[in-house]
Amino acid sequence: NAVARLATNAAMGRGRSEIDPMDCFRKLGALVDNDRDRESIVLSLGTIPQVEAVSLLAPYLDVPAVREEAARMIVQQAGRLWSDQTEPVLSPLLQAVAAAPVNPATRTRAARMTKAR
């Protein structure tokens, strides 16, 4: 589908260099109206090792159809990106995952990550 291709291309940095991939994801997120497209966005954002990409996953914690995947991607990328500089952004995201109605293992991992830091 077109949204999946756009999301994949944005995640890979393809296309015109003056286009900001994160801006593309913000705009796509505002335009999509079905869970299949939301899933494409979440899966693509989850491959981008940038704090801003992880932040863009946060609203998807409120979408039941993609909540589990968004939570998993937040925890996964937070583990990779954690530093003193990223902690102010990542810690609240992990706390949100720890409080979200998602897989208990994901919630526990998020909670442990925030406490261990």
C-alpha atoms as a PDB file:
ATOM      1  CA  ASN A   1       0.000   0.000   0.000  1.00  0.00           C
ATOM      2  CA  ALA A   2       1.075   3.579  -0.567  1.00  0.00           C
ATOM      3  CA  VAL A   3       1.398   4.531   3.103  1.00  0.00           C
ATOM      4  CA  ALA A   4       3.635   1.534   3.772  1.00  0.00           C
ATOM      5  CA  ARG A   5       5.895   2.512   0.865  1.00  0.00           C
ATOM      6  CA  LEU A   6       6.051   6.141   1.993  1.00  0.00           C
ATOM      7  CA  ALA A   7       6.802   5.145   5.569  1.00  0.00           C
ATOM      8  CA  THR A   8       9.507   2.715   4.477  1.00  0.00           C
ATOM      9  CA  ASN A   9      11.100   5.282   2.188  1.00  0.00           C
ATOM     10  CA  ALA A  10      11.028   7.939   4.897  1.00  0.00           C
ATOM     11  CA  ALA A  11      12.596   5.524   7.372  1.00  0.00           C
ATOM     12  CA  MET A  12      15.361   4.678   4.922  1.00  0.00           C
ATOM     13  CA  GLY A  13      16.001   8.327   4.074  1.00  0.00           C
ATOM     14  CA  ARG A  14      15.131   7.865   0.443  1.00  0.00           C
ATOM     15  CA  GLY A  15      13.777  10.613  -1.696  1.00  0.00           C
ATOM     16  CA  ARG A  16      14.653  14.261  -1.848  1.00  0.00           C
ATOM     17  CA  SER A  17      17.305  15.227   0.660  1.00  0.00           C
ATOM     18  CA  GLU A  18      15.555  18.435   1.721  1.00  0.00           C
ATOM     19  CA  ILE A  19      12.595  16.450   3.040  1.00  0.00           C
ATOM     20  CA  ASP A  20      12.726  15.741   6.772  1.00  0.00           C
ATOM     21  CA  PRO A  21      11.710  12.096   7.385  1.00  0.00           C
ATOM     22  CA  MET A  22      10.305  12.923  10.835  1.00  0.00           C
ATOM     23  CA  ASP A  23       8.126  15.622   9.305  1.00  0.00           C
ATOM     24  CA  CYS A  24       6.873  13.040   6.806  1.00  0.00           C
ATOM     25  CA  PHE A  25       5.908  10.725   9.669  1.00  0.00           C
ATOM     26  CA  ARG A  26       4.129  13.548  11.510  1.00  0.00           C
ATOM     27  CA  LYS A  27       2.102  14.351   8.407  1.00  0.00           C
ATOM     28  CA  LEU A  28       1.379  10.709   7.595  1.00  0.00           C
ATOM     29  CA  GLY A  29       0.206  10.134  11.156  1.00  0.00           C
ATOM     30  CA  ALA A  30      -2.272  12.970  10.858  1.00  0.00           C
ATOM     31  CA  LEU A  31      -3.615  11.694   7.540  1.00  0.00           C
ATOM     32  CA  VAL A  32      -4.074   7.973   8.061  1.00  0.00           C
ATOM     33  CA  ASP A  33      -7.483   6.685   8.982  1.00  0.00           C
ATOM     34  CA  ASN A  34      -7.027   2.934   9.294  1.00  0.00           C
ATOM     35  CA  ASP A  35      -5.090   0.539  11.469  1.00  0.00           C
ATOM     36  CA  ARG A  36      -3.173  -1.059   8.601  1.00  0.00           C
ATOM     37  CA  ASP A  37      -1.598   2.291   7.728  1.00  0.00           C
ATOM     38  CA  ARG A  38      -0.956   3.081  11.390  1.00  0.00           C
ATOM     39  CA  GLU A  39       0.839  -0.243  11.706  1.00  0.00           C
ATOM     40  CA  SER A  40       3.032   0.608   8.709  1.00  0.00           C
ATOM     41  CA  ILE A  41       3.989   3.894  10.347  1.00  0.00           C
ATOM     42  CA  VAL A  42       4.731   2.273  13.721  1.00  0.00           C
ATOM     43  CA  LEU A  43       6.833  -0.480  12.160  1.00  0.00           C
ATOM     44  CA  SER A  44       8.818   2.020  10.112  1.00  0.00           C
ATOM     45  CA  LEU A  45       9.352   4.442  12.987  1.00  0.00           C
ATOM     46  CA  GLY A  46      10.568   1.542  15.081  1.00  0.00           C
ATOM     47  CA  THR A  47      13.482   1.020  12.703  1.00  0.00           C
ATOM     48  CA  ILE A  48      14.837   4.546  13.023  1.00  0.00           C
ATOM     49  CA  PRO A  49      17.472   4.909  15.742  1.00  0.00           C
ATOM     50  CA  GLN A  50      16.572   8.483  16.647  1.00  0.00           C
ATOM     51  CA  VAL A  51      14.958   9.861  19.782  1.00  0.00           C
ATOM     52  CA  GLU A  52      12.522  11.897  17.698  1.00  0.00           C
ATOM     53  CA  ALA A  53      11.302   8.727  15.988  1.00  0.00           C
ATOM     54  CA  VAL A  54      10.718   7.113  19.383  1.00  0.00           C
ATOM     55  CA  SER A  55       8.795  10.209  20.496  1.00  0.00           C
ATOM     56  CA  LEU A  56       6.567   9.959  17.433  1.00  0.00           C
ATOM     57  CA  LEU A  57       5.544   6.473  18.576  1.00  0.00           C
ATOM     58  CA  ALA A  58       3.981   7.792  21.803  1.00  0.00           C
ATOM     59  CA  PRO A  59       0.545   8.698  20.363  1.00  0.00           C
ATOM     60  CA  TYR A  60       0.184   5.149  19.073  1.00  0.00           C
ATOM     61  CA  LEU A  61       0.056   3.903  22.670  1.00  0.00           C
ATOM     62  CA  ASP A  62      -3.516   5.238  22.592  1.00  0.00           C
ATOM     63  CA  VAL A  63      -4.483   3.220  19.500  1.00  0.00           C
ATOM     64  CA  PRO A  64      -5.526  -0.289  20.566  1.00  0.00           C
ATOM     65  CA  ALA A  65      -4.727  -1.940  17.224  1.00  0.00           C
ATOM     66  CA  VAL A  66      -1.060  -0.846  17.264  1.00  0.00           C
ATOM     67  CA  ARG A  67      -0.463  -0.255  20.978  1.00  0.00           C
ATOM     68  CA  GLU A  68       1.532  -3.455  21.561  1.00  0.00           C
ATOM     69  CA  GLU A  69       3.872  -2.839  18.636  1.00  0.00           C
ATOM     70  CA  ALA A  70       4.363   0.825  19.548  1.00  0.00           C
ATOM     71  CA  ALA A  71       5.190  -0.124  23.147  1.00  0.00           C
ATOM     72  CA  ARG A  72       7.631  -2.790  22.018  1.00  0.00           C
ATOM     73  CA  MET A  73       9.366  -0.392  19.628  1.00  0.00           C
ATOM     74  CA  ILE A  74       9.643   2.321  22.287  1.00  0.00           C
ATOM     75  CA  VAL A  75      11.262  -0.086  24.749  1.00  0.00           C
ATOM     76  CA  GLN A  76      13.554  -1.553  22.101  1.00  0.00           C
ATOM     77  CA  GLN A  77      14.801   1.790  20.795  1.00  0.00           C
ATOM     78  CA  ALA A  78      15.048   3.343  24.261  1.00  0.00           C
ATOM     79  CA  GLY A  79      17.419   0.559  25.230  1.00  0.00           C
ATOM     80  CA  ARG A  80      19.605   1.370  22.252  1.00  0.00           C
ATOM     81  CA  LEU A  81      19.472   5.144  22.488  1.00  0.00           C
ATOM     82  CA  TRP A  82      19.664   5.730  26.249  1.00  0.00           C
ATOM     83  CA  SER A  83      22.201   8.318  27.387  1.00  0.00           C
ATOM     84  CA  ASP A  84      22.293  11.304  29.721  1.00  0.00           C
ATOM     85  CA  GLN A  85      21.216  13.472  26.786  1.00  0.00           C
ATOM     86  CA  THR A  86      18.258  11.289  25.749  1.00  0.00           C
ATOM     87  CA  GLU A  87      17.002  10.432  29.241  1.00  0.00           C
ATOM     88  CA  PRO A  88      14.690  13.486  29.568  1.00  0.00           C
ATOM     89  CA  VAL A  89      12.772  12.348  26.473  1.00  0.00           C
ATOM     90  CA  LEU A  90      12.983   8.572  26.821  1.00  0.00           C
ATOM     91  CA  SER A  91      12.182   8.241  30.525  1.00  0.00           C
ATOM     92  CA  PRO A  92       8.616   9.632  30.228  1.00  0.00           C
ATOM     93  CA  LEU A  93       8.018   7.427  27.176  1.00  0.00           C
ATOM     94  CA  LEU A  94       9.100   4.349  29.110  1.00  0.00           C
ATOM     95  CA  GLN A  95       6.896   5.403  32.020  1.00  0.00           C
ATOM     96  CA  ALA A  96       3.972   5.673  29.602  1.00  0.00           C
ATOM     97  CA  VAL A  97       4.663   2.151  28.339  1.00  0.00           C
ATOM     98  CA  ALA A  98       4.925   0.870  31.917  1.00  0.00           C
ATOM     99  CA  ALA A  99       1.432   2.279  32.581  1.00  0.00           C
ATOM    100  CA  ALA A 100      -0.116   1.212  29.265  1.00  0.00           C
ATOM    101  CA  PRO A 101      -2.445  -1.776  28.873  1.00  0.00           C
ATOM    102  CA  VAL A 102       0.162  -3.841  26.993  1.00  0.00           C
ATOM    103  CA  ASN A 103       1.907  -7.161  27.438  1.00  0.00           C
ATOM    104  CA  PRO A 104       3.049  -7.478  31.065  1.00  0.00           C
ATOM    105  CA  ALA A 105       6.593  -8.360  29.983  1.00  0.00           C
ATOM    106  CA  THR A 106       6.824  -5.142  27.970  1.00  0.00           C
ATOM    107  CA  ARG A 107       5.450  -3.091  30.874  1.00  0.00           C
ATOM    108  CA  THR A 108       7.891  -4.709  33.289  1.00  0.00           C
ATOM    109  CA  ARG A 109      10.858  -4.141  30.997  1.00  0.00           C
ATOM    110  CA  ALA A 110       9.909  -0.467  30.564  1.00  0.00           C
ATOM    111  CA  ALA A 111       9.525  -0.009  34.325  1.00  0.00           C
ATOM    112  CA  ARG A 112      12.871  -1.674  35.018  1.00  0.00           C
ATOM    113  CA  MET A 113      14.609   0.476  32.447  1.00  0.00           C
ATOM    114  CA  THR A 114      13.405   3.672  34.092  1.00  0.00           C
ATOM    115  CA  LYS A 115      14.355   2.474  37.587  1.00  0.00           C
ATOM    116  CA  ALA A 116      17.759   1.180  36.537  1.00  0.00           C
ATOM    117  CA  ARG A 117      18.839   4.493  35.062  1.00  0.00           C
END
